[in-house]
Amino acid sequence: MAQSKTPSDVMLVPADNLDRIALFLSKFFSPLFGFIGGYTVVVLDAADQRAVLGWAMLSMGIQIIPVLILYRIRLSQGRYTDPDMSKRTDRNEVYILGAVSMLTAVLVMGYYSAPASITQLALSFFLIGAACGVINVWWKISMHASAIAAVATIATMQSRSLGMVFWMVVAMVAWSRIRTRNHSSGQVTAGTVLATMVVYVVHRYIA
């Protein structure tokens, strides 16, 4: 099967040191980092860390593993333009499976009365992923920015100093996605604002 063509303006090969830094940041601070970072922050803030860690591992497993399996299969088949899925339409099936996986996690956490912090986070990721997936049908919103902004918002609710660290990461990731030409400034801003609003509303008014 022929591999789809990478958008011509997306940077895949660095031309200078700033490009190398941008590509590294973009790769390291992926949405996967956002998921792991979010649950890590929640676990560290819990009174009973061992119990919450178990729920966090279960929730992450339900949300992440199916998507990672699909991603690896499609990448090996040459179905994606590149490892970053630079072409917007390559992301549609990942968003669909991600939404199903994340909704499953929310339902499982709710049914078995998981700690509220875990249920809230699972619900936040579901709503962010579903919204980004719908938007992605027409416009390539930044899931990188959304994932890291979600962690930054949660961290800020727990500790302003920790939140400041993560918001600096948000700024670096936003810069890297613009520098590598994966997204425009509007797309990373939209991703950041969307995630921040969803996490705030869910944690303040839901569950």
N, C-alpha and C. Protein backbone atom coordinates (compact mmCIF):
# COMPACT_ATOMS: atom_id res chain seq x y z
N MET A 1 0.84 -1.19 0.00
CA MET A 1 0.00 0.00 0.00
C MET A 1 0.88 1.25 0.00
N ALA A 2 0.56 2.19 -0.85
CA ALA A 2 1.37 3.41 -0.96
C ALA A 2 1.20 4.27 0.28
N GLN A 3 2.31 4.87 0.69
CA GLN A 3 2.28 5.77 1.84
C GLN A 3 1.76 7.13 1.42
N SER A 4 0.88 7.72 2.24
CA SER A 4 0.36 9.03 1.90
C SER A 4 1.47 10.07 1.99
N LYS A 5 1.31 11.13 1.28
CA LYS A 5 2.37 12.13 1.14
C LYS A 5 2.38 13.11 2.31
N THR A 6 3.57 13.34 2.82
CA THR A 6 3.73 14.31 3.91
C THR A 6 3.49 15.72 3.40
N PRO A 7 2.73 16.55 4.14
CA PRO A 7 2.56 17.94 3.73
C PRO A 7 3.92 18.59 3.50
N SER A 8 4.06 19.28 2.39
CA SER A 8 5.37 19.77 1.94
C SER A 8 6.01 20.77 2.88
N ASP A 9 5.22 21.48 3.68
CA ASP A 9 5.79 22.53 4.52
C ASP A 9 6.19 22.04 5.91
N VAL A 10 5.90 20.79 6.26
CA VAL A 10 6.24 20.27 7.59
C VAL A 10 7.71 19.89 7.66
N MET A 11 8.38 20.33 8.72
CA MET A 11 9.81 20.05 8.88
C MET A 11 10.02 18.63 9.38
N LEU A 12 10.80 17.85 8.63
CA LEU A 12 11.15 16.51 9.05
C LEU A 12 12.65 16.38 9.32
N VAL A 13 13.43 17.22 8.64
CA VAL A 13 14.89 17.19 8.79
C VAL A 13 15.35 18.56 9.27
N PRO A 14 16.11 18.63 10.37
CA PRO A 14 16.54 19.93 10.91
C PRO A 14 17.60 20.59 10.05
N ALA A 15 17.53 21.91 10.01
CA ALA A 15 18.52 22.68 9.25
C ALA A 15 19.53 23.34 10.17
N ASP A 16 19.19 23.51 11.45
CA ASP A 16 20.10 24.13 12.41
C ASP A 16 19.77 23.62 13.81
N ASN A 17 20.47 24.15 14.80
CA ASN A 17 20.30 23.68 16.17
C ASN A 17 18.90 23.97 16.73
N LEU A 18 18.36 25.13 16.37
CA LEU A 18 17.00 25.43 16.84
C LEU A 18 15.99 24.43 16.28
N ASP A 19 16.19 24.04 15.04
CA ASP A 19 15.32 23.02 14.45
C ASP A 19 15.46 21.70 15.20
N ARG A 20 16.67 21.34 15.56
CA ARG A 20 16.89 20.09 16.29
C ARG A 20 16.20 20.13 17.65
N ILE A 21 16.29 21.27 18.33
CA ILE A 21 15.62 21.43 19.62
C ILE A 21 14.11 21.32 19.45
N ALA A 22 13.60 21.97 18.42
CA ALA A 22 12.15 21.95 18.17
C ALA A 22 11.66 20.53 17.90
N LEU A 23 12.40 19.80 17.08
CA LEU A 23 12.01 18.42 16.77
C LEU A 23 12.08 17.54 18.00
N PHE A 24 13.09 17.76 18.84
CA PHE A 24 13.20 16.97 20.08
C PHE A 24 12.03 17.25 21.01
N LEU A 25 11.72 18.53 21.23
CA LEU A 25 10.61 18.90 22.10
C LEU A 25 9.29 18.35 21.59
N SER A 26 9.10 18.44 20.29
CA SER A 26 7.87 17.96 19.67
C SER A 26 7.72 16.46 19.85
N LYS A 27 8.83 15.75 19.75
CA LYS A 27 8.78 14.28 19.89
C LYS A 27 8.64 13.86 21.34
N PHE A 28 9.40 14.49 22.24
CA PHE A 28 9.41 14.08 23.65
C PHE A 28 8.10 14.43 24.35
N PHE A 29 7.63 15.67 24.17
CA PHE A 29 6.41 16.11 24.85
C PHE A 29 5.20 15.84 23.97
N SER A 30 5.00 14.58 23.67
CA SER A 30 3.89 14.14 22.83
C SER A 30 2.61 14.04 23.67
N PRO A 31 1.47 13.78 23.04
CA PRO A 31 0.25 13.56 23.84
C PRO A 31 0.40 12.42 24.84
N LEU A 32 1.22 11.42 24.52
CA LEU A 32 1.47 10.33 25.46
C LEU A 32 2.10 10.87 26.75
N PHE A 33 3.04 11.79 26.61
CA PHE A 33 3.64 12.43 27.79
C PHE A 33 2.57 13.14 28.60
N GLY A 34 1.62 13.78 27.89
CA GLY A 34 0.55 14.48 28.58
C GLY A 34 -0.30 13.54 29.43
N PHE A 35 -0.65 12.38 28.86
CA PHE A 35 -1.44 11.40 29.62
C PHE A 35 -0.67 10.95 30.86
N ILE A 36 0.57 10.53 30.67
CA ILE A 36 1.37 10.04 31.79
C ILE A 36 1.61 11.15 32.80
N GLY A 37 1.91 12.34 32.32
CA GLY A 37 2.15 13.47 33.21
C GLY A 37 0.93 13.83 34.04
N GLY A 38 -0.23 13.81 33.41
CA GLY A 38 -1.46 14.14 34.12
C GLY A 38 -1.75 13.17 35.25
N TYR A 39 -1.65 11.89 34.95
CA TYR A 39 -1.91 10.89 35.99
C TYR A 39 -0.83 10.91 37.07
N THR A 40 0.40 11.21 36.69
CA THR A 40 1.47 11.30 37.68
C THR A 40 1.21 12.43 38.67
N VAL A 41 0.79 13.57 38.17
CA VAL A 41 0.48 14.71 39.04
C VAL A 41 -0.65 14.36 40.00
N VAL A 42 -1.67 13.68 39.50
CA VAL A 42 -2.81 13.30 40.34
C VAL A 42 -2.37 12.32 41.42
N VAL A 43 -1.56 11.33 41.05
CA VAL A 43 -1.11 10.34 42.03
C VAL A 43 -0.27 10.99 43.12
N LEU A 44 0.65 11.86 42.73
CA LEU A 44 1.53 12.50 43.70
C LEU A 44 0.76 13.39 44.67
N ASP A 45 -0.40 13.89 44.26
CA ASP A 45 -1.20 14.76 45.11
C ASP A 45 -2.14 13.99 46.02
N ALA A 46 -2.25 12.67 45.80
CA ALA A 46 -3.22 11.87 46.55
C ALA A 46 -2.73 11.55 47.96
N ALA A 47 -3.67 11.42 48.88
CA ALA A 47 -3.32 11.04 50.25
C ALA A 47 -2.88 9.59 50.30
N ASP A 48 -3.60 8.72 49.58
CA ASP A 48 -3.26 7.30 49.50
C ASP A 48 -2.69 7.04 48.10
N GLN A 49 -1.42 7.31 47.92
CA GLN A 49 -0.81 7.24 46.60
C GLN A 49 -0.83 5.83 46.02
N ARG A 50 -0.66 4.82 46.84
CA ARG A 50 -0.62 3.45 46.33
C ARG A 50 -1.96 3.05 45.73
N ALA A 51 -3.04 3.37 46.42
CA ALA A 51 -4.38 3.02 45.91
C ALA A 51 -4.69 3.79 44.63
N VAL A 52 -4.39 5.08 44.63
CA VAL A 52 -4.67 5.91 43.46
C VAL A 52 -3.80 5.49 42.28
N LEU A 53 -2.57 5.06 42.55
CA LEU A 53 -1.68 4.60 41.48
C LEU A 53 -2.28 3.42 40.73
N GLY A 54 -2.90 2.49 41.45
CA GLY A 54 -3.53 1.35 40.80
C GLY A 54 -4.63 1.77 39.85
N TRP A 55 -5.48 2.70 40.31
CA TRP A 55 -6.55 3.21 39.44
C TRP A 55 -5.97 3.97 38.25
N ALA A 56 -4.91 4.72 38.49
CA ALA A 56 -4.28 5.48 37.40
C ALA A 56 -3.72 4.55 36.33
N MET A 57 -3.08 3.47 36.76
CA MET A 57 -2.52 2.51 35.81
C MET A 57 -3.63 1.84 34.99
N LEU A 58 -4.73 1.49 35.66
CA LEU A 58 -5.85 0.89 34.95
C LEU A 58 -6.45 1.85 33.93
N SER A 59 -6.67 3.08 34.36
CA SER A 59 -7.27 4.08 33.47
C SER A 59 -6.36 4.36 32.28
N MET A 60 -5.07 4.53 32.54
CA MET A 60 -4.13 4.78 31.44
C MET A 60 -4.08 3.60 30.48
N GLY A 61 -4.10 2.39 31.04
CA GLY A 61 -4.05 1.21 30.18
C GLY A 61 -5.24 1.16 29.23
N ILE A 62 -6.43 1.42 29.75
CA ILE A 62 -7.63 1.39 28.92
C ILE A 62 -7.57 2.48 27.85
N GLN A 63 -7.08 3.65 28.23
CA GLN A 63 -7.07 4.79 27.32
C GLN A 63 -5.96 4.71 26.27
N ILE A 64 -4.80 4.26 26.68
CA ILE A 64 -3.61 4.40 25.83
C ILE A 64 -3.29 3.17 24.99
N ILE A 65 -3.39 1.98 25.58
CA ILE A 65 -2.90 0.77 24.89
C ILE A 65 -3.57 0.53 23.54
N PRO A 66 -4.91 0.60 23.43
CA PRO A 66 -5.52 0.36 22.11
C PRO A 66 -5.02 1.34 21.04
N VAL A 67 -4.85 2.60 21.44
CA VAL A 67 -4.40 3.62 20.48
C VAL A 67 -2.95 3.36 20.06
N LEU A 68 -2.11 2.99 21.01
CA LEU A 68 -0.72 2.70 20.69
C LEU A 68 -0.60 1.50 19.76
N ILE A 69 -1.43 0.49 19.98
CA ILE A 69 -1.40 -0.69 19.10
C ILE A 69 -1.80 -0.31 17.69
N LEU A 70 -2.90 0.46 17.55
CA LEU A 70 -3.33 0.90 16.23
C LEU A 70 -2.25 1.74 15.56
N TYR A 71 -1.67 2.65 16.32
CA TYR A 71 -0.63 3.54 15.78
C TYR A 71 0.55 2.73 15.24
N ARG A 72 1.02 1.77 16.00
CA ARG A 72 2.17 0.98 15.58
C ARG A 72 1.85 0.15 14.35
N ILE A 73 0.65 -0.41 14.30
CA ILE A 73 0.26 -1.22 13.14
C ILE A 73 0.18 -0.36 11.89
N ARG A 74 -0.50 0.77 11.99
CA ARG A 74 -0.66 1.64 10.83
C ARG A 74 0.68 2.21 10.36
N LEU A 75 1.55 2.53 11.32
CA LEU A 75 2.85 3.07 10.96
C LEU A 75 3.67 2.02 10.22
N SER A 76 3.63 0.78 10.67
CA SER A 76 4.37 -0.30 10.01
C SER A 76 3.81 -0.61 8.63
N GLN A 77 2.52 -0.33 8.45
CA GLN A 77 1.88 -0.55 7.15
C GLN A 77 2.12 0.59 6.18
N GLY A 78 2.73 1.67 6.66
CA GLY A 78 2.96 2.83 5.81
C GLY A 78 1.70 3.63 5.57
N ARG A 79 0.73 3.51 6.47
CA ARG A 79 -0.53 4.22 6.29
C ARG A 79 -0.45 5.68 6.73
N TYR A 80 0.57 6.02 7.52
CA TYR A 80 0.72 7.40 7.98
C TYR A 80 1.82 8.09 7.20
N THR A 81 1.68 9.38 7.06
CA THR A 81 2.66 10.16 6.31
C THR A 81 4.04 10.11 6.94
N ASP A 82 4.08 10.11 8.27
CA ASP A 82 5.32 10.09 9.04
C ASP A 82 4.93 9.78 10.48
N PRO A 83 5.90 9.52 11.38
CA PRO A 83 5.56 9.17 12.76
C PRO A 83 4.71 10.22 13.48
N ASP A 84 4.77 11.47 13.03
CA ASP A 84 4.01 12.54 13.67
C ASP A 84 2.61 12.70 13.09
N MET A 85 2.28 11.88 12.08
CA MET A 85 0.98 11.98 11.40
C MET A 85 0.70 13.42 10.98
N SER A 86 1.63 13.97 10.21
CA SER A 86 1.55 15.38 9.82
C SER A 86 0.32 15.70 8.98
N LYS A 87 -0.14 14.72 8.22
CA LYS A 87 -1.33 14.94 7.41
C LYS A 87 -2.57 14.82 8.29
N ARG A 88 -3.40 15.85 8.29
CA ARG A 88 -4.54 15.91 9.20
C ARG A 88 -5.44 14.68 9.11
N THR A 89 -5.76 14.22 7.93
CA THR A 89 -6.70 13.10 7.78
C THR A 89 -6.15 11.79 8.32
N ASP A 90 -4.82 11.68 8.47
CA ASP A 90 -4.25 10.47 9.05
C ASP A 90 -4.69 10.28 10.50
N ARG A 91 -5.10 11.36 11.14
CA ARG A 91 -5.38 11.32 12.57
C ARG A 91 -6.81 10.91 12.90
N ASN A 92 -7.68 10.86 11.89
CA ASN A 92 -9.10 10.64 12.17
C ASN A 92 -9.38 9.33 12.91
N GLU A 93 -8.81 8.23 12.41
CA GLU A 93 -9.12 6.94 13.04
C GLU A 93 -8.51 6.85 14.44
N VAL A 94 -7.38 7.51 14.65
CA VAL A 94 -6.78 7.53 15.98
C VAL A 94 -7.68 8.28 16.95
N TYR A 95 -8.23 9.39 16.51
CA TYR A 95 -9.15 10.14 17.35
C TYR A 95 -10.40 9.32 17.68
N ILE A 96 -10.91 8.59 16.69
CA ILE A 96 -12.12 7.78 16.92
C ILE A 96 -11.85 6.69 17.95
N LEU A 97 -10.78 5.92 17.74
CA LEU A 97 -10.45 4.86 18.69
C LEU A 97 -10.11 5.45 20.06
N GLY A 98 -9.41 6.59 20.06
CA GLY A 98 -9.07 7.24 21.32
C GLY A 98 -10.31 7.64 22.09
N ALA A 99 -11.31 8.17 21.39
CA ALA A 99 -12.55 8.58 22.06
C ALA A 99 -13.26 7.38 22.67
N VAL A 100 -13.30 6.27 21.93
CA VAL A 100 -13.94 5.06 22.45
C VAL A 100 -13.19 4.54 23.68
N SER A 101 -11.86 4.51 23.59
CA SER A 101 -11.04 4.01 24.70
C SER A 101 -11.18 4.89 25.93
N MET A 102 -11.16 6.20 25.70
CA MET A 102 -11.26 7.13 26.84
C MET A 102 -12.65 7.10 27.47
N LEU A 103 -13.69 6.96 26.65
CA LEU A 103 -15.04 6.85 27.20
C LEU A 103 -15.17 5.56 28.01
N THR A 104 -14.57 4.49 27.51
CA THR A 104 -14.58 3.23 28.25
C THR A 104 -13.93 3.39 29.62
N ALA A 105 -12.82 4.10 29.66
CA ALA A 105 -12.14 4.35 30.93
C ALA A 105 -13.02 5.14 31.89
N VAL A 106 -13.70 6.15 31.37
CA VAL A 106 -14.60 6.96 32.21
C VAL A 106 -15.70 6.08 32.81
N LEU A 107 -16.29 5.23 31.98
CA LEU A 107 -17.38 4.38 32.44
C LEU A 107 -16.89 3.36 33.47
N VAL A 108 -15.72 2.79 33.23
CA VAL A 108 -15.15 1.82 34.17
C VAL A 108 -14.83 2.49 35.49
N MET A 109 -14.20 3.66 35.44
CA MET A 109 -13.86 4.38 36.66
C MET A 109 -15.12 4.76 37.45
N GLY A 110 -16.15 5.18 36.73
CA GLY A 110 -17.38 5.55 37.40
C GLY A 110 -18.09 4.34 38.00
N TYR A 111 -18.14 3.24 37.27
CA TYR A 111 -18.85 2.04 37.72
C TYR A 111 -18.21 1.46 38.98
N TYR A 112 -16.88 1.46 39.02
CA TYR A 112 -16.19 0.85 40.15
C TYR A 112 -15.79 1.89 41.22
N SER A 113 -16.37 3.07 41.13
CA SER A 113 -16.17 4.12 42.14
C SER A 113 -14.70 4.41 42.38
N ALA A 114 -13.99 4.66 41.31
CA ALA A 114 -12.58 5.05 41.43
C ALA A 114 -12.50 6.41 42.12
N PRO A 115 -11.33 6.78 42.65
CA PRO A 115 -11.18 8.10 43.27
C PRO A 115 -11.62 9.20 42.31
N ALA A 116 -12.24 10.23 42.86
CA ALA A 116 -12.78 11.32 42.04
C ALA A 116 -11.71 11.94 41.15
N SER A 117 -10.49 12.07 41.66
CA SER A 117 -9.42 12.71 40.88
C SER A 117 -9.11 11.92 39.61
N ILE A 118 -9.19 10.59 39.68
CA ILE A 118 -8.93 9.75 38.51
C ILE A 118 -10.09 9.84 37.53
N THR A 119 -11.31 9.78 38.05
CA THR A 119 -12.49 9.88 37.17
C THR A 119 -12.53 11.23 36.47
N GLN A 120 -12.23 12.29 37.20
CA GLN A 120 -12.22 13.63 36.62
C GLN A 120 -11.18 13.73 35.50
N LEU A 121 -10.01 13.17 35.73
CA LEU A 121 -8.96 13.24 34.72
C LEU A 121 -9.33 12.43 33.49
N ALA A 122 -9.87 11.23 33.70
CA ALA A 122 -10.30 10.40 32.57
C ALA A 122 -11.37 11.11 31.75
N LEU A 123 -12.32 11.74 32.45
CA LEU A 123 -13.38 12.48 31.77
C LEU A 123 -12.81 13.67 31.02
N SER A 124 -11.86 14.37 31.63
CA SER A 124 -11.23 15.52 30.97
C SER A 124 -10.56 15.10 29.67
N PHE A 125 -9.78 14.02 29.73
CA PHE A 125 -9.09 13.56 28.52
C PHE A 125 -10.08 13.11 27.46
N PHE A 126 -11.18 12.48 27.88
CA PHE A 126 -12.19 12.07 26.91
C PHE A 126 -12.79 13.28 26.20
N LEU A 127 -13.19 14.28 26.97
CA LEU A 127 -13.83 15.46 26.38
C LEU A 127 -12.86 16.22 25.48
N ILE A 128 -11.60 16.33 25.92
CA ILE A 128 -10.59 17.01 25.09
C ILE A 128 -10.36 16.24 23.80
N GLY A 129 -10.18 14.93 23.92
CA GLY A 129 -9.93 14.12 22.73
C GLY A 129 -11.10 14.12 21.77
N ALA A 130 -12.32 14.02 22.31
CA ALA A 130 -13.50 14.03 21.45
C ALA A 130 -13.65 15.36 20.73
N ALA A 131 -13.45 16.46 21.46
CA ALA A 131 -13.55 17.78 20.85
C ALA A 131 -12.48 17.98 19.77
N CYS A 132 -11.25 17.58 20.07
CA CYS A 132 -10.18 17.72 19.09
C CYS A 132 -10.44 16.84 17.87
N GLY A 133 -11.01 15.65 18.10
CA GLY A 133 -11.32 14.77 16.99
C GLY A 133 -12.36 15.35 16.05
N VAL A 134 -13.39 15.97 16.62
CA VAL A 134 -14.43 16.60 15.79
C VAL A 134 -13.83 17.78 15.02
N ILE A 135 -13.06 18.60 15.71
CA ILE A 135 -12.43 19.75 15.07
C ILE A 135 -11.47 19.30 13.96
N ASN A 136 -10.77 18.19 14.19
CA ASN A 136 -9.78 17.70 13.23
C ASN A 136 -10.37 17.33 11.88
N VAL A 137 -11.68 17.07 11.85
CA VAL A 137 -12.33 16.77 10.56
C VAL A 137 -12.17 17.94 9.60
N TRP A 138 -12.15 19.16 10.14
CA TRP A 138 -12.05 20.36 9.30
C TRP A 138 -10.74 21.13 9.49
N TRP A 139 -10.11 20.97 10.66
CA TRP A 139 -9.00 21.86 11.02
C TRP A 139 -8.04 21.11 11.92
N LYS A 140 -6.76 21.28 11.71
CA LYS A 140 -5.73 20.51 12.43
C LYS A 140 -5.35 21.16 13.76
N ILE A 141 -6.22 21.02 14.74
CA ILE A 141 -5.94 21.56 16.07
C ILE A 141 -4.80 20.78 16.71
N SER A 142 -4.05 21.42 17.58
CA SER A 142 -2.87 20.79 18.17
C SER A 142 -3.22 19.95 19.40
N MET A 143 -3.10 18.63 19.25
CA MET A 143 -3.30 17.73 20.38
C MET A 143 -2.10 17.77 21.31
N HIS A 144 -0.90 18.06 20.77
CA HIS A 144 0.27 18.24 21.62
C HIS A 144 0.01 19.33 22.65
N ALA A 145 -0.44 20.48 22.16
CA ALA A 145 -0.70 21.62 23.05
C ALA A 145 -1.81 21.29 24.03
N SER A 146 -2.85 20.61 23.57
CA SER A 146 -3.97 20.27 24.44
C SER A 146 -3.53 19.36 25.58
N ALA A 147 -2.75 18.33 25.26
CA ALA A 147 -2.34 17.36 26.27
C ALA A 147 -1.48 18.01 27.35
N ILE A 148 -0.51 18.82 26.93
CA ILE A 148 0.38 19.45 27.91
C ILE A 148 -0.35 20.54 28.70
N ALA A 149 -1.25 21.26 28.04
CA ALA A 149 -2.03 22.28 28.75
C ALA A 149 -2.95 21.65 29.79
N ALA A 150 -3.46 20.45 29.51
CA ALA A 150 -4.30 19.75 30.48
C ALA A 150 -3.49 19.46 31.75
N VAL A 151 -2.27 18.98 31.57
CA VAL A 151 -1.41 18.70 32.72
C VAL A 151 -1.10 19.98 33.48
N ALA A 152 -0.79 21.04 32.75
CA ALA A 152 -0.45 22.32 33.38
C ALA A 152 -1.61 22.86 34.20
N THR A 153 -2.83 22.70 33.70
CA THR A 153 -4.00 23.19 34.41
C THR A 153 -4.23 22.40 35.70
N ILE A 154 -4.10 21.08 35.61
CA ILE A 154 -4.25 20.24 36.81
C ILE A 154 -3.18 20.59 37.83
N ALA A 155 -1.93 20.71 37.35
CA ALA A 155 -0.83 21.04 38.26
C ALA A 155 -1.04 22.39 38.94
N THR A 156 -1.55 23.36 38.19
CA THR A 156 -1.79 24.69 38.75
C THR A 156 -2.84 24.65 39.86
N MET A 157 -3.83 23.79 39.71
CA MET A 157 -4.86 23.66 40.73
C MET A 157 -4.30 23.10 42.04
N GLN A 158 -3.20 22.39 41.93
CA GLN A 158 -2.60 21.77 43.11
C GLN A 158 -1.45 22.59 43.68
N SER A 159 -0.68 23.23 42.80
CA SER A 159 0.49 23.99 43.24
C SER A 159 0.84 25.02 42.18
N ARG A 160 0.86 26.28 42.56
CA ARG A 160 1.18 27.33 41.60
C ARG A 160 2.59 27.19 41.05
N SER A 161 3.53 26.81 41.92
CA SER A 161 4.92 26.67 41.46
C SER A 161 5.05 25.51 40.48
N LEU A 162 4.39 24.39 40.77
CA LEU A 162 4.42 23.26 39.84
C LEU A 162 3.72 23.63 38.55
N GLY A 163 2.61 24.36 38.68
CA GLY A 163 1.89 24.81 37.50
C GLY A 163 2.74 25.68 36.60
N MET A 164 3.54 26.56 37.19
CA MET A 164 4.41 27.44 36.40
C MET A 164 5.41 26.63 35.58
N VAL A 165 5.91 25.56 36.18
CA VAL A 165 6.86 24.69 35.46
C VAL A 165 6.19 24.10 34.22
N PHE A 166 4.99 23.58 34.41
CA PHE A 166 4.30 22.96 33.28
C PHE A 166 3.84 23.98 32.25
N TRP A 167 3.50 25.20 32.68
CA TRP A 167 3.12 26.20 31.69
C TRP A 167 4.33 26.63 30.85
N MET A 168 5.51 26.56 31.43
CA MET A 168 6.72 26.81 30.63
C MET A 168 6.90 25.71 29.59
N VAL A 169 6.56 24.48 29.99
CA VAL A 169 6.61 23.38 29.04
C VAL A 169 5.59 23.59 27.93
N VAL A 170 4.41 24.07 28.30
CA VAL A 170 3.38 24.37 27.28
C VAL A 170 3.93 25.36 26.26
N ALA A 171 4.59 26.41 26.74
CA ALA A 171 5.15 27.42 25.84
C ALA A 171 6.21 26.82 24.92
N MET A 172 7.05 25.95 25.47
CA MET A 172 8.10 25.32 24.66
C MET A 172 7.49 24.40 23.60
N VAL A 173 6.47 23.65 24.00
CA VAL A 173 5.83 22.74 23.05
C VAL A 173 5.12 23.54 21.94
N ALA A 174 4.44 24.60 22.33
CA ALA A 174 3.77 25.44 21.33
C ALA A 174 4.78 25.99 20.33
N TRP A 175 5.91 26.48 20.85
CA TRP A 175 6.95 26.99 19.96
C TRP A 175 7.46 25.89 19.03
N SER A 176 7.67 24.70 19.58
CA SER A 176 8.22 23.61 18.77
C SER A 176 7.26 23.20 17.66
N ARG A 177 5.97 23.16 17.96
CA ARG A 177 4.99 22.76 16.93
C ARG A 177 4.87 23.80 15.83
N ILE A 178 5.04 25.07 16.20
CA ILE A 178 5.04 26.13 15.18
C ILE A 178 6.34 26.11 14.40
N ARG A 179 7.46 25.94 15.09
CA ARG A 179 8.78 25.92 14.44
C ARG A 179 8.88 24.78 13.43
N THR A 180 8.33 23.61 13.77
CA THR A 180 8.39 22.46 12.86
C THR A 180 7.30 22.53 11.79
N ARG A 181 6.49 23.55 11.87
CA ARG A 181 5.42 23.81 10.90
C ARG A 181 4.35 22.72 10.90
N ASN A 182 4.21 22.03 12.03
CA ASN A 182 3.10 21.09 12.18
C ASN A 182 1.80 21.83 12.43
N HIS A 183 1.91 23.00 13.06
CA HIS A 183 0.72 23.77 13.40
C HIS A 183 0.99 25.26 13.27
N SER A 184 -0.11 25.99 13.14
CA SER A 184 -0.03 27.45 13.17
C SER A 184 -0.15 27.91 14.62
N SER A 185 0.11 29.20 14.85
CA SER A 185 -0.05 29.74 16.20
C SER A 185 -1.50 29.63 16.65
N GLY A 186 -2.43 29.79 15.73
CA GLY A 186 -3.85 29.67 16.07
C GLY A 186 -4.21 28.26 16.51
N GLN A 187 -3.62 27.26 15.87
CA GLN A 187 -3.93 25.88 16.20
C GLN A 187 -3.40 25.47 17.57
N VAL A 188 -2.20 25.93 17.93
CA VAL A 188 -1.67 25.60 19.26
C VAL A 188 -2.40 26.40 20.34
N THR A 189 -2.78 27.63 20.01
CA THR A 189 -3.55 28.43 20.97
C THR A 189 -4.91 27.80 21.23
N ALA A 190 -5.56 27.37 20.17
CA ALA A 190 -6.88 26.75 20.30
C ALA A 190 -6.79 25.47 21.14
N GLY A 191 -5.76 24.66 20.89
CA GLY A 191 -5.58 23.44 21.66
C GLY A 191 -5.35 23.73 23.14
N THR A 192 -4.57 24.75 23.41
CA THR A 192 -4.27 25.13 24.79
C THR A 192 -5.51 25.63 25.51
N VAL A 193 -6.24 26.52 24.88
CA VAL A 193 -7.44 27.09 25.50
C VAL A 193 -8.51 26.02 25.72
N LEU A 194 -8.70 25.16 24.73
CA LEU A 194 -9.71 24.10 24.84
C LEU A 194 -9.42 23.21 26.04
N ALA A 195 -8.19 22.73 26.15
CA ALA A 195 -7.84 21.82 27.24
C ALA A 195 -7.97 22.50 28.60
N THR A 196 -7.51 23.73 28.68
CA THR A 196 -7.58 24.48 29.94
C THR A 196 -9.02 24.64 30.41
N MET A 197 -9.90 24.99 29.51
CA MET A 197 -11.31 25.18 29.86
C MET A 197 -11.96 23.87 30.29
N VAL A 198 -11.69 22.80 29.53
CA VAL A 198 -12.30 21.51 29.84
C VAL A 198 -11.85 21.02 31.22
N VAL A 199 -10.56 21.04 31.47
CA VAL A 199 -10.04 20.56 32.75
C VAL A 199 -10.59 21.39 33.91
N TYR A 200 -10.61 22.69 33.74
CA TYR A 200 -11.11 23.56 34.82
C TYR A 200 -12.57 23.27 35.13
N VAL A 201 -13.41 23.19 34.10
CA VAL A 201 -14.84 22.96 34.30
C VAL A 201 -15.09 21.59 34.93
N VAL A 202 -14.42 20.57 34.42
CA VAL A 202 -14.63 19.21 34.95
C VAL A 202 -14.21 19.13 36.42
N HIS A 203 -13.06 19.69 36.75
CA HIS A 203 -12.56 19.56 38.11
C HIS A 203 -13.29 20.47 39.11
N ARG A 204 -13.89 21.55 38.62
CA ARG A 204 -14.60 22.46 39.53
C ARG A 204 -16.07 22.14 39.67
N TYR A 205 -16.67 21.60 38.59
CA TYR A 205 -18.12 21.48 38.59
C TYR A 205 -18.67 20.09 38.32
N ILE A 206 -17.79 19.12 37.99
CA ILE A 206 -18.28 17.78 37.66
C ILE A 206 -17.57 16.75 38.54
N ALA A 207 -18.31 15.78 39.02
CA ALA A 207 -17.81 14.62 39.78
C ALA A 207 -17.26 14.99 41.14
